[in-house]
Amino acid sequence: MNNNAKFHDDGPLNKAELAALGEGQMAYVKPLLSDDIARLFPQAPEIKPGLRLFALLSASGEPIVLTDSHDAAVANAWAHDLETVSLH
């Protein structure tokens, strides 16, 4: 467990507290189709529909990098000292 996590007795973590867990230490790799790119990366150029891509997202869900390779997403995380988890 992350030693920086803060727990309190007033009940479950709120959305902001949950989003901050692992920030700067953890990222996740999310497989997606190019059709979904505009939602995550609004500044990205138009990409051919139907391509399988991988997004590296921060613990809070902010996009870090977009690539066509799972290994490249993981390598980018490691280069920035982030531990990766995968979403299925």
Protein backbone atom coordinates (compact mmCIF):
# COMPACT_ATOMS: atom_id res chain seq x y z
CA MET A 1 0.00 0.00 0.00
CA ASN A 2 1.13 3.52 -0.73
CA ASN A 3 2.57 5.13 2.40
CA ASN A 4 1.30 8.52 1.21
CA ALA A 5 -2.35 7.44 1.23
CA LYS A 6 -4.49 9.31 3.73
CA PHE A 7 -7.36 7.58 5.44
CA HIS A 8 -9.84 9.13 7.78
CA ASP A 9 -12.62 8.00 10.05
CA ASP A 10 -15.35 10.14 8.48
CA GLY A 11 -16.27 7.48 5.93
CA PRO A 12 -15.15 6.62 2.43
CA LEU A 13 -12.78 8.79 0.44
CA ASN A 14 -14.42 11.43 -1.71
CA LYS A 15 -13.84 11.57 -5.47
CA ALA A 16 -10.96 14.08 -5.23
CA GLU A 17 -9.19 12.09 -2.49
CA LEU A 18 -9.58 8.88 -4.47
CA ALA A 19 -8.21 10.54 -7.63
CA ALA A 20 -5.14 11.79 -5.72
CA LEU A 21 -4.12 8.31 -4.50
CA GLY A 22 -0.99 7.29 -6.35
CA GLU A 23 -0.66 10.59 -8.18
CA GLY A 24 2.94 11.03 -9.35
CA GLN A 25 3.70 7.39 -8.47
CA MET A 26 1.26 5.28 -10.44
CA ALA A 27 -0.26 5.28 -13.91
CA TYR A 28 -2.45 2.89 -15.79
CA VAL A 29 -2.45 1.58 -19.33
CA LYS A 30 -5.85 1.63 -20.98
CA PRO A 31 -6.49 -0.11 -24.30
CA LEU A 32 -8.85 1.82 -26.52
CA LEU A 33 -9.92 2.32 -30.10
CA SER A 34 -8.93 5.37 -32.10
CA ASP A 35 -12.65 6.25 -32.20
CA ASP A 36 -12.34 7.24 -28.49
CA ILE A 37 -9.29 9.47 -28.88
CA ALA A 38 -11.14 12.79 -29.19
CA ARG A 39 -12.72 12.26 -25.75
CA LEU A 40 -9.39 11.64 -23.95
CA PHE A 41 -7.08 13.72 -26.13
CA PRO A 42 -9.17 16.59 -27.58
CA GLN A 43 -6.05 18.24 -29.04
CA ALA A 44 -5.04 15.09 -31.00
CA PRO A 45 -5.25 15.16 -34.79
CA GLU A 46 -7.91 13.05 -36.47
CA ILE A 47 -6.90 9.38 -36.50
CA LYS A 48 -8.17 6.62 -38.75
CA PRO A 49 -11.14 4.92 -36.99
CA GLY A 50 -10.91 1.36 -35.69
CA LEU A 51 -7.22 1.35 -34.70
CA ARG A 52 -6.28 -0.37 -31.44
CA LEU A 53 -4.24 2.04 -29.29
CA PHE A 54 -3.01 2.35 -25.71
CA ALA A 55 -3.26 5.39 -23.47
CA LEU A 56 -1.05 5.91 -20.43
CA LEU A 57 -3.14 7.79 -17.86
CA SER A 58 -2.15 9.25 -14.51
CA ALA A 59 -3.66 7.89 -11.31
CA SER A 60 -6.26 10.67 -11.53
CA GLY A 61 -7.10 9.79 -15.14
CA GLU A 62 -5.23 12.58 -16.90
CA PRO A 63 -3.76 11.47 -20.25
CA ILE A 64 0.04 11.22 -20.39
CA VAL A 65 0.82 9.52 -23.70
CA LEU A 66 -0.95 7.75 -26.55
CA THR A 67 0.75 4.95 -28.49
CA ASP A 68 0.02 1.94 -30.69
CA SER A 69 1.99 -0.38 -28.40
CA HIS A 70 1.32 -1.56 -24.84
CA ASP A 71 5.08 -1.96 -24.34
CA ALA A 72 5.72 1.64 -25.40
CA ALA A 73 3.14 2.91 -22.90
CA VAL A 74 4.75 0.90 -20.10
CA ALA A 75 8.25 2.06 -21.13
CA ASN A 76 7.09 5.68 -21.00
CA ALA A 77 5.76 5.14 -17.49
CA TRP A 78 9.01 3.53 -16.35
CA ALA A 79 11.00 6.40 -17.89
CA HIS A 80 9.06 8.73 -15.58
CA ASP A 81 9.39 6.48 -12.51
CA LEU A 82 5.70 5.53 -12.54
CA GLU A 83 4.47 2.10 -11.52
CA THR A 84 1.95 0.79 -14.05
CA VAL A 85 -1.28 -1.10 -13.69
CA SER A 86 -3.48 -2.31 -16.55
CA LEU A 87 -7.20 -1.89 -17.02
CA HIS A 88 -9.16 -4.62 -18.72
